[in-house]
Every structure is written in C-alpha cells, then in structure tokens.
Amino acid sequence: MTDKERDELLINIFNDVKNVKNDVKELKSNVKEIEGNMNKMQGNIKEIECNMNKIENKVNEIEKEQRNLSRTVAKIEYEHGNKLQAVLDVLCGQQEKNEEFEEKFNEHDKILSKHDDEIFYLKEKIG
C-alpha cells in the first residue's frame, strides 16, 4: 500500500468516524426528543386516567339515579294501577245503578202513561 492510498484510507476512515459522530449526535437528539414526547404522553395518560375515573364516578351516579327512578316509576305505576282500578269499580257500580234507575224510570213511565190514559177515559165519561 502506498502512502497516498494509506492517506486516502485514513481520510475515508476519519470522514466515516466524523459521520458516525454526527449520526450519534442526531440519535442522542432524537432520543431526547422521544424522551420528551414520552414524558408528555405519560402526563396525558395520567390526565386520561383522571378523566376516566371522573367518567366512571358519573356513570355510577347515573346508574344509582336510574335505579331510584325505576323504583319510583314502579311505585307510581302500582299506585296509579290501584287508583284506576278503584275508579273502574266505581264506574261499574254507577253503571249498574244507572241501569236500575232506568228500569224504575221505565216502570214509572208506564204507570204514568196508564194513569194518563185512565184520567183521559174518566174525563170522557164525566164530561
């Protein structure tokens, strides 16, 4: 190997080392950037976990309120069912009474009509 070839080889090695150093610097910079991003992501994850806990608590509150509402609705339906049954019972009883009154009214109407005919007949005989 000649001196010139050796010098060129050393220059190439020197340039390669220089390039490797630059690559290492760039890698270090990238690693620092990645570490910064990871720290931000960890902060974001903690914030998300906090928000998820809040959401979970709200969902639990909503479920509890829903159970309370379901109980209240069931109670109202039961009470209204009983009240409606009482109203229907009264209406049925009233209908029966109305039918009885109608029968009596028809009987009295027949009696009055008969009396009217008798009075007319008597008036004709008298006068």
C-alpha atoms as a PDB file:
ATOM      1  CA  MET A   1       0.000   0.000   0.000  1.00  0.00           C
ATOM      2  CA  THR A   2       1.314   3.333  -0.960  1.00  0.00           C
ATOM      3  CA  ASP A   3       1.396   6.389   1.228  1.00  0.00           C
ATOM      4  CA  LYS A   4      -1.182   8.053  -0.901  1.00  0.00           C
ATOM      5  CA  GLU A   5      -3.555   5.082  -0.623  1.00  0.00           C
ATOM      6  CA  ARG A   6      -2.962   4.934   3.102  1.00  0.00           C
ATOM      7  CA  ASP A   7      -3.654   8.650   3.432  1.00  0.00           C
ATOM      8  CA  GLU A   8      -6.860   8.312   1.419  1.00  0.00           C
ATOM      9  CA  LEU A   9      -7.885   5.360   3.553  1.00  0.00           C
ATOM     10  CA  LEU A  10      -7.219   7.336   6.732  1.00  0.00           C
ATOM     11  CA  ILE A  11      -9.147  10.304   5.350  1.00  0.00           C
ATOM     12  CA  ASN A  12     -12.051   7.980   4.499  1.00  0.00           C
ATOM     13  CA  ILE A  13     -11.920   6.448   7.989  1.00  0.00           C
ATOM     14  CA  PHE A  14     -11.739   9.915   9.523  1.00  0.00           C
ATOM     15  CA  ASN A  15     -14.751  11.014   7.454  1.00  0.00           C
ATOM     16  CA  ASP A  16     -16.612   7.831   8.391  1.00  0.00           C
ATOM     17  CA  VAL A  17     -15.856   8.431  12.089  1.00  0.00           C
ATOM     18  CA  LYS A  18     -16.976  12.016  11.687  1.00  0.00           C
ATOM     19  CA  ASN A  19     -20.215  10.819  10.029  1.00  0.00           C
ATOM     20  CA  VAL A  20     -20.753   8.260  12.818  1.00  0.00           C
ATOM     21  CA  LYS A  21     -20.236  11.014  15.425  1.00  0.00           C
ATOM     22  CA  ASN A  22     -22.813  13.156  13.637  1.00  0.00           C
ATOM     23  CA  ASP A  23     -25.185  10.194  13.484  1.00  0.00           C
ATOM     24  CA  VAL A  24     -24.647   9.561  17.220  1.00  0.00           C
ATOM     25  CA  LYS A  25     -25.363  13.240  17.972  1.00  0.00           C
ATOM     26  CA  GLU A  26     -28.512  13.054  15.863  1.00  0.00           C
ATOM     27  CA  LEU A  27     -29.534   9.833  17.616  1.00  0.00           C
ATOM     28  CA  LYS A  28     -28.962  11.459  21.024  1.00  0.00           C
ATOM     29  CA  SER A  29     -31.084  14.401  19.920  1.00  0.00           C
ATOM     30  CA  ASN A  30     -33.797  12.015  18.702  1.00  0.00           C
ATOM     31  CA  VAL A  31     -33.644  10.067  21.967  1.00  0.00           C
ATOM     32  CA  LYS A  32     -34.052  13.299  23.959  1.00  0.00           C
ATOM     33  CA  GLU A  33     -36.994  14.277  21.759  1.00  0.00           C
ATOM     34  CA  ILE A  34     -38.527  10.831  22.227  1.00  0.00           C
ATOM     35  CA  GLU A  35     -37.995  11.068  25.999  1.00  0.00           C
ATOM     36  CA  GLY A  36     -39.742  14.460  25.991  1.00  0.00           C
ATOM     37  CA  ASN A  37     -42.614  13.037  23.977  1.00  0.00           C
ATOM     38  CA  MET A  38     -42.833  10.044  26.313  1.00  0.00           C
ATOM     39  CA  ASN A  39     -42.999  12.370  29.331  1.00  0.00           C
ATOM     40  CA  LYS A  40     -45.779  14.326  27.633  1.00  0.00           C
ATOM     41  CA  MET A  41     -47.581  11.068  26.829  1.00  0.00           C
ATOM     42  CA  GLN A  42     -47.260   9.934  30.457  1.00  0.00           C
ATOM     43  CA  GLY A  43     -48.770  13.240  31.544  1.00  0.00           C
ATOM     44  CA  ASN A  44     -51.545  12.777  29.006  1.00  0.00           C
ATOM     45  CA  ILE A  45     -52.117   9.216  30.207  1.00  0.00           C
ATOM     46  CA  LYS A  46     -52.424  10.433  33.804  1.00  0.00           C
ATOM     47  CA  GLU A  47     -54.897  13.093  32.693  1.00  0.00           C
ATOM     48  CA  ILE A  48     -56.867  10.499  30.724  1.00  0.00           C
ATOM     49  CA  GLU A  49     -56.899   8.175  33.745  1.00  0.00           C
ATOM     50  CA  CYS A  50     -58.182  11.036  35.903  1.00  0.00           C
ATOM     51  CA  ASN A  51     -60.896  11.821  33.348  1.00  0.00           C
ATOM     52  CA  MET A  52     -61.807   8.129  33.084  1.00  0.00           C
ATOM     53  CA  ASN A  53     -62.175   7.972  36.872  1.00  0.00           C
ATOM     54  CA  LYS A  54     -64.443  11.018  36.760  1.00  0.00           C
ATOM     55  CA  ILE A  55     -66.493   9.452  33.979  1.00  0.00           C
ATOM     56  CA  GLU A  56     -66.721   6.186  35.908  1.00  0.00           C
ATOM     57  CA  ASN A  57     -67.942   8.052  39.000  1.00  0.00           C
ATOM     58  CA  LYS A  58     -70.533   9.924  36.919  1.00  0.00           C
ATOM     59  CA  VAL A  59     -71.707   6.663  35.327  1.00  0.00           C
ATOM     60  CA  ASN A  60     -72.054   5.119  38.785  1.00  0.00           C
ATOM     61  CA  GLU A  61     -74.084   8.136  39.927  1.00  0.00           C
ATOM     62  CA  ILE A  62     -76.276   7.904  36.830  1.00  0.00           C
ATOM     63  CA  GLU A  63     -76.833   4.180  37.384  1.00  0.00           C
ATOM     64  CA  LYS A  64     -77.769   4.822  41.014  1.00  0.00           C
ATOM     65  CA  GLU A  65     -80.178   7.587  39.982  1.00  0.00           C
ATOM     66  CA  GLN A  66     -81.634   5.334  37.293  1.00  0.00           C
ATOM     67  CA  ARG A  67     -82.315   2.615  39.879  1.00  0.00           C
ATOM     68  CA  ASN A  68     -84.004   5.197  42.115  1.00  0.00           C
ATOM     69  CA  LEU A  69     -86.097   6.427  39.186  1.00  0.00           C
ATOM     70  CA  SER A  70     -87.030   2.868  38.269  1.00  0.00           C
ATOM     71  CA  ARG A  71     -88.212   2.228  41.819  1.00  0.00           C
ATOM     72  CA  THR A  72     -90.174   5.484  41.828  1.00  0.00           C
ATOM     73  CA  VAL A  73     -91.792   4.710  38.479  1.00  0.00           C
ATOM     74  CA  ALA A  74     -92.708   1.200  39.632  1.00  0.00           C
ATOM     75  CA  LYS A  75     -94.268   2.651  42.804  1.00  0.00           C
ATOM     76  CA  ILE A  76     -96.207   5.265  40.805  1.00  0.00           C
ATOM     77  CA  GLU A  77     -97.419   2.620  38.342  1.00  0.00           C
ATOM     78  CA  TYR A  78     -98.572   0.409  41.202  1.00  0.00           C
ATOM     79  CA  GLU A  79    -100.365   3.267  42.975  1.00  0.00           C
ATOM     80  CA  HIS A  80    -101.972   4.512  39.767  1.00  0.00           C
ATOM     81  CA  GLY A  81    -102.991   0.967  38.893  1.00  0.00           C
ATOM     82  CA  ASN A  82    -104.811   0.706  42.225  1.00  0.00           C
ATOM     83  CA  LYS A  83    -106.412   4.123  41.744  1.00  0.00           C
ATOM     84  CA  LEU A  84    -107.530   3.274  38.217  1.00  0.00           C
ATOM     85  CA  GLN A  85    -108.989   0.003  39.461  1.00  0.00           C
ATOM     86  CA  ALA A  86    -110.932   1.915  42.131  1.00  0.00           C
ATOM     87  CA  VAL A  87    -112.233   4.361  39.504  1.00  0.00           C
ATOM     88  CA  LEU A  88    -113.268   1.481  37.242  1.00  0.00           C
ATOM     89  CA  ASP A  89    -115.015  -0.233  40.151  1.00  0.00           C
ATOM     90  CA  VAL A  90    -116.933   2.988  40.895  1.00  0.00           C
ATOM     91  CA  LEU A  91    -117.831   3.402  37.220  1.00  0.00           C
ATOM     92  CA  CYS A  92    -119.095  -0.174  37.009  1.00  0.00           C
ATOM     93  CA  GLY A  93    -121.130   0.332  40.177  1.00  0.00           C
ATOM     94  CA  GLN A  94    -122.501   3.607  38.801  1.00  0.00           C
ATOM     95  CA  GLN A  95    -123.408   1.898  35.535  1.00  0.00           C
ATOM     96  CA  GLU A  96    -125.349  -0.753  37.444  1.00  0.00           C
ATOM     97  CA  LYS A  97    -127.178   1.943  39.429  1.00  0.00           C
ATOM     98  CA  ASN A  98    -127.957   3.840  36.241  1.00  0.00           C
ATOM     99  CA  GLU A  99    -129.421   0.681  34.720  1.00  0.00           C
ATOM    100  CA  GLU A 100    -131.547   0.145  37.858  1.00  0.00           C
ATOM    101  CA  PHE A 101    -132.738   3.773  37.712  1.00  0.00           C
ATOM    102  CA  GLU A 102    -133.541   3.390  34.030  1.00  0.00           C
ATOM    103  CA  GLU A 103    -135.620   0.273  34.724  1.00  0.00           C
ATOM    104  CA  LYS A 104    -137.506   2.080  37.509  1.00  0.00           C
ATOM    105  CA  PHE A 105    -137.936   5.130  35.289  1.00  0.00           C
ATOM    106  CA  ASN A 106    -139.396   2.954  32.523  1.00  0.00           C
ATOM    107  CA  GLU A 107    -141.761   1.302  35.039  1.00  0.00           C
ATOM    108  CA  HIS A 108    -142.871   4.695  36.370  1.00  0.00           C
ATOM    109  CA  ASP A 109    -143.220   5.998  32.812  1.00  0.00           C
ATOM    110  CA  LYS A 110    -145.541   3.061  32.021  1.00  0.00           C
ATOM    111  CA  ILE A 111    -147.543   3.688  35.200  1.00  0.00           C
ATOM    112  CA  LEU A 112    -147.855   7.412  34.408  1.00  0.00           C
ATOM    113  CA  SER A 113    -148.880   6.620  30.858  1.00  0.00           C
ATOM    114  CA  LYS A 114    -151.518   4.186  32.174  1.00  0.00           C
ATOM    115  CA  HIS A 115    -152.748   6.796  34.663  1.00  0.00           C
ATOM    116  CA  ASP A 116    -152.852   9.393  31.897  1.00  0.00           C
ATOM    117  CA  ASP A 117    -154.991   7.034  29.805  1.00  0.00           C
ATOM    118  CA  GLU A 118    -157.276   6.326  32.805  1.00  0.00           C
ATOM    119  CA  ILE A 119    -157.693  10.073  33.532  1.00  0.00           C
ATOM    120  CA  PHE A 120    -158.469  10.733  29.877  1.00  0.00           C
ATOM    121  CA  TYR A 121    -161.050   7.914  29.893  1.00  0.00           C
ATOM    122  CA  LEU A 122    -162.626   9.184  33.143  1.00  0.00           C
ATOM    123  CA  LYS A 123    -162.811  12.755  31.813  1.00  0.00           C
ATOM    124  CA  GLU A 124    -164.559  11.453  28.720  1.00  0.00           C
ATOM    125  CA  LYS A 125    -167.079   9.596  30.852  1.00  0.00           C
ATOM    126  CA  ILE A 126    -167.716  12.582  33.137  1.00  0.00           C
ATOM    127  CA  GLY A 127    -167.793  15.293  30.763  1.00  0.00           C
END
